[in-house]
PDB file of all heavy atoms in Angstrom:
ATOM      1  N   ILE A   1     -37.960 -81.928 -37.097  1.00  0.00           N
ATOM      2  CA  ILE A   1     -38.339 -80.824 -36.201  1.00  0.00           C
ATOM      3  C   ILE A   1     -39.700 -80.291 -36.660  1.00  0.00           C
ATOM      4  O   ILE A   1     -39.891 -80.002 -37.854  1.00  0.00           O
ATOM      5  CB  ILE A   1     -37.304 -79.679 -36.233  1.00  0.00           C
ATOM      6  CG1 ILE A   1     -35.886 -80.253 -36.106  1.00  0.00           C
ATOM      7  CG2 ILE A   1     -37.609 -78.686 -35.104  1.00  0.00           C
ATOM      8  CD1 ILE A   1     -35.605 -81.031 -34.867  1.00  0.00           C
ATOM      9  N   VAL A   2     -40.629 -80.130 -35.726  1.00  0.00           N
ATOM     10  CA  VAL A   2     -41.930 -79.592 -36.057  1.00  0.00           C
ATOM     11  C   VAL A   2     -42.183 -78.225 -35.461  1.00  0.00           C
ATOM     12  O   VAL A   2     -43.061 -77.492 -35.929  1.00  0.00           O
ATOM     13  CB  VAL A   2     -43.084 -80.541 -35.666  1.00  0.00           C
ATOM     14  CG1 VAL A   2     -42.948 -81.874 -36.402  1.00  0.00           C
ATOM     15  CG2 VAL A   2     -43.138 -80.763 -34.179  1.00  0.00           C
ATOM     16  N   ASP A   3     -41.426 -77.829 -34.420  1.00  0.00           N
ATOM     17  CA  ASP A   3     -41.699 -76.556 -33.764  1.00  0.00           C
ATOM     18  C   ASP A   3     -40.469 -76.097 -33.013  1.00  0.00           C
ATOM     19  O   ASP A   3     -39.559 -76.879 -32.750  1.00  0.00           O
ATOM     20  CB  ASP A   3     -42.886 -76.717 -32.803  1.00  0.00           C
ATOM     21  CG  ASP A   3     -43.614 -75.427 -32.514  1.00  0.00           C
ATOM     22  OD1 ASP A   3     -43.181 -74.364 -33.008  1.00  0.00           O
ATOM     23  OD2 ASP A   3     -44.616 -75.476 -31.775  1.00  0.00           O
ATOM     24  N   ARG A   4     -40.472 -74.819 -32.660  1.00  0.00           N
ATOM     25  CA  ARG A   4     -39.414 -74.297 -31.807  1.00  0.00           C
ATOM     26  C   ARG A   4     -40.033 -73.346 -30.785  1.00  0.00           C
ATOM     27  O   ARG A   4     -41.092 -72.778 -30.987  1.00  0.00           O
ATOM     28  CB  ARG A   4     -38.329 -73.565 -32.621  1.00  0.00           C
ATOM     29  CG  ARG A   4     -38.777 -72.319 -33.355  1.00  0.00           C
ATOM     30  CD  ARG A   4     -37.647 -71.696 -34.144  1.00  0.00           C
ATOM     31  NE  ARG A   4     -36.536 -71.254 -33.300  1.00  0.00           N
ATOM     32  CZ  ARG A   4     -35.880 -70.127 -33.470  1.00  0.00           C
ATOM     33  NH1 ARG A   4     -36.230 -69.294 -34.439  1.00  0.00           N
ATOM     34  NH2 ARG A   4     -34.887 -69.817 -32.673  1.00  0.00           N
ATOM     35  N   GLN A   5     -39.340 -73.211 -29.641  1.00  0.00           N
ATOM     36  CA  GLN A   5     -39.769 -72.345 -28.558  1.00  0.00           C
ATOM     37  C   GLN A   5     -41.183 -72.700 -28.049  1.00  0.00           C
ATOM     38  O   GLN A   5     -42.084 -71.894 -28.072  1.00  0.00           O
ATOM     39  CB  GLN A   5     -39.695 -70.885 -29.000  1.00  0.00           C
ATOM     40  CG  GLN A   5     -38.293 -70.403 -29.341  1.00  0.00           C
ATOM     41  CD  GLN A   5     -37.341 -70.488 -28.155  1.00  0.00           C
ATOM     42  OE1 GLN A   5     -37.611 -70.009 -27.066  1.00  0.00           O
ATOM     43  NE2 GLN A   5     -36.179 -71.124 -28.362  1.00  0.00           N
ATOM     44  N   VAL A   6     -41.315 -73.927 -27.590  1.00  0.00           N
ATOM     45  CA  VAL A   6     -42.582 -74.412 -27.031  1.00  0.00           C
ATOM     46  C   VAL A   6     -42.556 -74.216 -25.531  1.00  0.00           C
ATOM     47  O   VAL A   6     -41.626 -74.693 -24.850  1.00  0.00           O
ATOM     48  CB  VAL A   6     -42.832 -75.885 -27.378  1.00  0.00           C
ATOM     49  CG1 VAL A   6     -44.101 -76.382 -26.713  1.00  0.00           C
ATOM     50  CG2 VAL A   6     -42.903 -76.065 -28.886  1.00  0.00           C
ATOM     51  N   VAL A   7     -43.542 -73.524 -24.984  1.00  0.00           N
ATOM     52  CA  VAL A   7     -43.602 -73.247 -23.551  1.00  0.00           C
ATOM     53  C   VAL A   7     -43.804 -74.507 -22.749  1.00  0.00           C
ATOM     54  O   VAL A   7     -44.668 -75.330 -23.083  1.00  0.00           O
ATOM     55  CB  VAL A   7     -44.726 -72.225 -23.250  1.00  0.00           C
ATOM     56  CG1 VAL A   7     -44.833 -71.993 -21.730  1.00  0.00           C
ATOM     57  CG2 VAL A   7     -44.468 -70.897 -23.977  1.00  0.00           C
ATOM     58  N   ALA A   8     -43.001 -74.669 -21.715  1.00  0.00           N
ATOM     59  CA  ALA A   8     -43.120 -75.813 -20.811  1.00  0.00           C
ATOM     60  C   ALA A   8     -43.499 -75.338 -19.421  1.00  0.00           C
ATOM     61  O   ALA A   8     -42.889 -75.697 -18.405  1.00  0.00           O
ATOM     62  CB  ALA A   8     -41.809 -76.605 -20.787  1.00  0.00           C
ATOM     63  N   GLY A   9     -44.493 -74.462 -19.334  1.00  0.00           N
ATOM     64  CA  GLY A   9     -44.915 -73.935 -18.055  1.00  0.00           C
ATOM     65  C   GLY A   9     -43.819 -73.117 -17.391  1.00  0.00           C
ATOM     66  O   GLY A   9     -43.048 -72.433 -18.060  1.00  0.00           O
ATOM     67  N   LYS A  10     -43.706 -73.237 -16.084  1.00  0.00           N
ATOM     68  CA  LYS A  10     -42.701 -72.491 -15.333  1.00  0.00           C
ATOM     69  C   LYS A  10     -41.304 -73.025 -15.602  1.00  0.00           C
ATOM     70  O   LYS A  10     -40.308 -72.368 -15.228  1.00  0.00           O
ATOM     71  CB  LYS A  10     -43.005 -72.561 -13.838  1.00  0.00           C
ATOM     72  CG  LYS A  10     -44.307 -71.836 -13.461  1.00  0.00           C
ATOM     73  CD  LYS A  10     -44.551 -71.917 -11.955  1.00  0.00           C
ATOM     74  CE  LYS A  10     -45.845 -71.199 -11.574  1.00  0.00           C
ATOM     75  NZ  LYS A  10     -46.099 -71.282 -10.104  1.00  0.00           N
ATOM     76  N   ALA A  11     -41.201 -74.206 -16.230  1.00  0.00           N
ATOM     77  CA  ALA A  11     -39.885 -74.796 -16.478  1.00  0.00           C
ATOM     78  C   ALA A  11     -39.148 -74.075 -17.585  1.00  0.00           C
ATOM     79  O   ALA A  11     -37.930 -74.243 -17.741  1.00  0.00           O
ATOM     80  CB  ALA A  11     -40.043 -76.272 -16.841  1.00  0.00           C
ATOM     81  N   GLY A  12     -39.835 -73.264 -18.365  1.00  0.00           N
ATOM     82  CA  GLY A  12     -39.190 -72.524 -19.475  1.00  0.00           C
ATOM     83  C   GLY A  12     -39.749 -72.951 -20.823  1.00  0.00           C
ATOM     84  O   GLY A  12     -40.929 -73.212 -20.959  1.00  0.00           O
ATOM     85  N   ARG A  13     -38.877 -73.007 -21.808  1.00  0.00           N
ATOM     86  CA  ARG A  13     -39.277 -73.345 -23.149  1.00  0.00           C
ATOM     87  C   ARG A  13     -38.368 -74.402 -23.731  1.00  0.00           C
ATOM     88  O   ARG A  13     -37.154 -74.368 -23.537  1.00  0.00           O
ATOM     89  CB  ARG A  13     -39.212 -72.108 -24.084  1.00  0.00           C
ATOM     90  CG  ARG A  13     -40.191 -71.008 -23.741  1.00  0.00           C
ATOM     91  CD  ARG A  13     -39.927 -69.777 -24.611  1.00  0.00           C
ATOM     92  NE  ARG A  13     -40.838 -68.684 -24.321  1.00  0.00           N
ATOM     93  CZ  ARG A  13     -41.982 -68.475 -24.979  1.00  0.00           C
ATOM     94  NH1 ARG A  13     -42.311 -69.258 -25.985  1.00  0.00           N
ATOM     95  NH2 ARG A  13     -42.782 -67.461 -24.659  1.00  0.00           N
ATOM     96  N   PHE A  14     -38.956 -75.371 -24.435  1.00  0.00           N
ATOM     97  CA  PHE A  14     -38.166 -76.297 -25.216  1.00  0.00           C
ATOM     98  C   PHE A  14     -37.634 -75.565 -26.425  1.00  0.00           C
ATOM     99  O   PHE A  14     -38.375 -74.889 -27.142  1.00  0.00           O
ATOM    100  CB  PHE A  14     -39.012 -77.493 -25.679  1.00  0.00           C
ATOM    101  CG  PHE A  14     -39.779 -78.164 -24.589  1.00  0.00           C
ATOM    102  CD1 PHE A  14     -41.154 -78.295 -24.688  1.00  0.00           C
ATOM    103  CD2 PHE A  14     -39.134 -78.699 -23.483  1.00  0.00           C
ATOM    104  CE1 PHE A  14     -41.878 -78.927 -23.691  1.00  0.00           C
ATOM    105  CE2 PHE A  14     -39.863 -79.319 -22.495  1.00  0.00           C
ATOM    106  CZ  PHE A  14     -41.237 -79.426 -22.603  1.00  0.00           C
ATOM    107  N   ASP A  15     -36.335 -75.682 -26.708  1.00  0.00           N
ATOM    108  CA  ASP A  15     -35.789 -75.000 -27.887  1.00  0.00           C
ATOM    109  C   ASP A  15     -36.447 -75.515 -29.166  1.00  0.00           C
ATOM    110  O   ASP A  15     -36.846 -74.744 -30.036  1.00  0.00           O
ATOM    111  CB  ASP A  15     -34.265 -75.189 -27.970  1.00  0.00           C
ATOM    112  CG  ASP A  15     -33.538 -74.381 -26.914  1.00  0.00           C
ATOM    113  OD1 ASP A  15     -34.060 -73.325 -26.493  1.00  0.00           O
ATOM    114  OD2 ASP A  15     -32.451 -74.779 -26.517  1.00  0.00           O
ATOM    115  N   LEU A  16     -36.526 -76.843 -29.281  1.00  0.00           N
ATOM    116  CA  LEU A  16     -37.102 -77.482 -30.464  1.00  0.00           C
ATOM    117  C   LEU A  16     -37.951 -78.655 -30.057  1.00  0.00           C
ATOM    118  O   LEU A  16     -37.673 -79.301 -29.033  1.00  0.00           O
ATOM    119  CB  LEU A  16     -35.994 -77.955 -31.430  1.00  0.00           C
ATOM    120  CG  LEU A  16     -35.005 -76.898 -31.942  1.00  0.00           C
ATOM    121  CD1 LEU A  16     -33.834 -77.577 -32.655  1.00  0.00           C
ATOM    122  CD2 LEU A  16     -35.683 -75.912 -32.873  1.00  0.00           C
ATOM    123  N   THR A  17     -38.960 -78.946 -30.851  1.00  0.00           N
ATOM    124  CA  THR A  17     -39.803 -80.124 -30.620  1.00  0.00           C
ATOM    125  C   THR A  17     -39.909 -80.892 -31.927  1.00  0.00           C
ATOM    126  O   THR A  17     -40.001 -80.273 -33.010  1.00  0.00           O
ATOM    127  CB  THR A  17     -41.219 -79.715 -30.180  1.00  0.00           C
ATOM    128  OG1 THR A  17     -41.116 -78.896 -29.010  1.00  0.00           O
ATOM    129  CG2 THR A  17     -42.075 -80.934 -29.849  1.00  0.00           C
ATOM    130  N   GLY A  18     -39.836 -82.203 -31.871  1.00  0.00           N
ATOM    131  CA  GLY A  18     -39.916 -83.000 -33.080  1.00  0.00           C
ATOM    132  C   GLY A  18     -40.203 -84.450 -32.758  1.00  0.00           C
ATOM    133  O   GLY A  18     -40.827 -84.791 -31.772  1.00  0.00           O
ATOM    134  N   PHE A  19     -39.670 -85.339 -33.600  1.00  0.00           N
ATOM    135  CA  PHE A  19     -39.856 -86.771 -33.384  1.00  0.00           C
ATOM    136  C   PHE A  19     -38.731 -87.533 -34.043  1.00  0.00           C
ATOM    137  O   PHE A  19     -37.981 -87.028 -34.873  1.00  0.00           O
ATOM    138  CB  PHE A  19     -41.217 -87.219 -33.942  1.00  0.00           C
ATOM    139  CG  PHE A  19     -41.381 -86.998 -35.430  1.00  0.00           C
ATOM    140  CD1 PHE A  19     -41.080 -87.998 -36.360  1.00  0.00           C
ATOM    141  CD2 PHE A  19     -41.879 -85.781 -35.919  1.00  0.00           C
ATOM    142  CE1 PHE A  19     -41.263 -87.800 -37.711  1.00  0.00           C
ATOM    143  CE2 PHE A  19     -42.055 -85.577 -37.272  1.00  0.00           C
ATOM    144  CZ  PHE A  19     -41.725 -86.574 -38.170  1.00  0.00           C
ATOM    145  N   TYR A  20     -38.625 -88.790 -33.640  1.00  0.00           N
ATOM    146  CA  TYR A  20     -37.579 -89.705 -34.113  1.00  0.00           C
ATOM    147  C   TYR A  20     -38.209 -90.787 -34.978  1.00  0.00           C
ATOM    148  O   TYR A  20     -39.133 -91.496 -34.537  1.00  0.00           O
ATOM    149  CB  TYR A  20     -36.863 -90.358 -32.905  1.00  0.00           C
ATOM    150  CG  TYR A  20     -35.891 -91.449 -33.229  1.00  0.00           C
ATOM    151  CD1 TYR A  20     -34.889 -91.263 -34.182  1.00  0.00           C
ATOM    152  CD2 TYR A  20     -35.952 -92.661 -32.551  1.00  0.00           C
ATOM    153  CE1 TYR A  20     -33.955 -92.279 -34.451  1.00  0.00           C
ATOM    154  CE2 TYR A  20     -35.032 -93.675 -32.810  1.00  0.00           C
ATOM    155  CZ  TYR A  20     -34.069 -93.475 -33.768  1.00  0.00           C
ATOM    156  OH  TYR A  20     -33.164 -94.492 -34.022  1.00  0.00           O
ATOM    157  N   TRP A  21     -37.745 -90.882 -36.240  1.00  0.00           N
ATOM    158  CA  TRP A  21     -38.271 -91.890 -37.185  1.00  0.00           C
ATOM    159  C   TRP A  21     -37.044 -92.672 -37.689  1.00  0.00           C
ATOM    160  O   TRP A  21     -36.438 -92.299 -38.688  1.00  0.00           O
ATOM    161  CB  TRP A  21     -39.002 -91.199 -38.313  1.00  0.00           C
ATOM    162  CG  TRP A  21     -39.793 -92.107 -39.183  1.00  0.00           C
ATOM    163  CD1 TRP A  21     -40.393 -93.301 -38.840  1.00  0.00           C
ATOM    164  CD2 TRP A  21     -40.118 -91.916 -40.581  1.00  0.00           C
ATOM    165  NE1 TRP A  21     -41.062 -93.825 -39.918  1.00  0.00           N
ATOM    166  CE2 TRP A  21     -40.911 -92.997 -40.987  1.00  0.00           C
ATOM    167  CE3 TRP A  21     -39.823 -90.897 -41.502  1.00  0.00           C
ATOM    168  CZ2 TRP A  21     -41.387 -93.135 -42.297  1.00  0.00           C
ATOM    169  CZ3 TRP A  21     -40.298 -91.034 -42.775  1.00  0.00           C
ATOM    170  CH2 TRP A  21     -41.079 -92.116 -43.176  1.00  0.00           C
ATOM    171  N   PRO A  22     -36.703 -93.772 -37.043  1.00  0.00           N
ATOM    172  CA  PRO A  22     -35.487 -94.524 -37.400  1.00  0.00           C
ATOM    173  C   PRO A  22     -35.570 -95.107 -38.800  1.00  0.00           C
ATOM    174  O   PRO A  22     -36.650 -95.491 -39.255  1.00  0.00           O
ATOM    175  CB  PRO A  22     -35.380 -95.616 -36.340  1.00  0.00           C
ATOM    176  CG  PRO A  22     -36.759 -95.767 -35.791  1.00  0.00           C
ATOM    177  CD  PRO A  22     -37.390 -94.403 -35.880  1.00  0.00           C
ATOM    178  N   ARG A  23     -34.439 -95.169 -39.492  1.00  0.00           N
ATOM    179  CA  ARG A  23     -34.408 -95.671 -40.876  1.00  0.00           C
ATOM    180  C   ARG A  23     -34.670 -97.173 -40.915  1.00  0.00           C
ATOM    181  O   ARG A  23     -35.296 -97.668 -41.830  1.00  0.00           O
ATOM    182  CB  ARG A  23     -33.034 -95.380 -41.496  1.00  0.00           C
ATOM    183  CG  ARG A  23     -32.781 -93.885 -41.726  1.00  0.00           C
ATOM    184  CD  ARG A  23     -31.423 -93.658 -42.303  1.00  0.00           C
ATOM    185  NE  ARG A  23     -31.265 -94.281 -43.620  1.00  0.00           N
ATOM    186  CZ  ARG A  23     -30.124 -94.355 -44.283  1.00  0.00           C
ATOM    187  NH1 ARG A  23     -29.022 -93.863 -43.755  1.00  0.00           N
ATOM    188  NH2 ARG A  23     -30.103 -94.916 -45.474  1.00  0.00           N
ATOM    189  N   ALA A  24     -34.177 -97.894 -39.886  1.00  0.00           N
ATOM    190  CA  ALA A  24     -34.366 -99.366 -39.878  1.00  0.00           C
ATOM    191  C   ALA A  24     -35.840 -99.685 -39.705  1.00  0.00           C
ATOM    192  O   ALA A  24     -36.477 -99.264 -38.715  1.00  0.00           O
ATOM    193  CB  ALA A  24     -33.562 -99.964 -38.721  1.00  0.00           C
TER     194      ALA A  24
END
């Protein structure tokens, strides 16, 4: 997770923003 409560314009806010780094 890199951030929380990111504004998505009129659509609202993303609760959390991050990325996926698979172990394989």
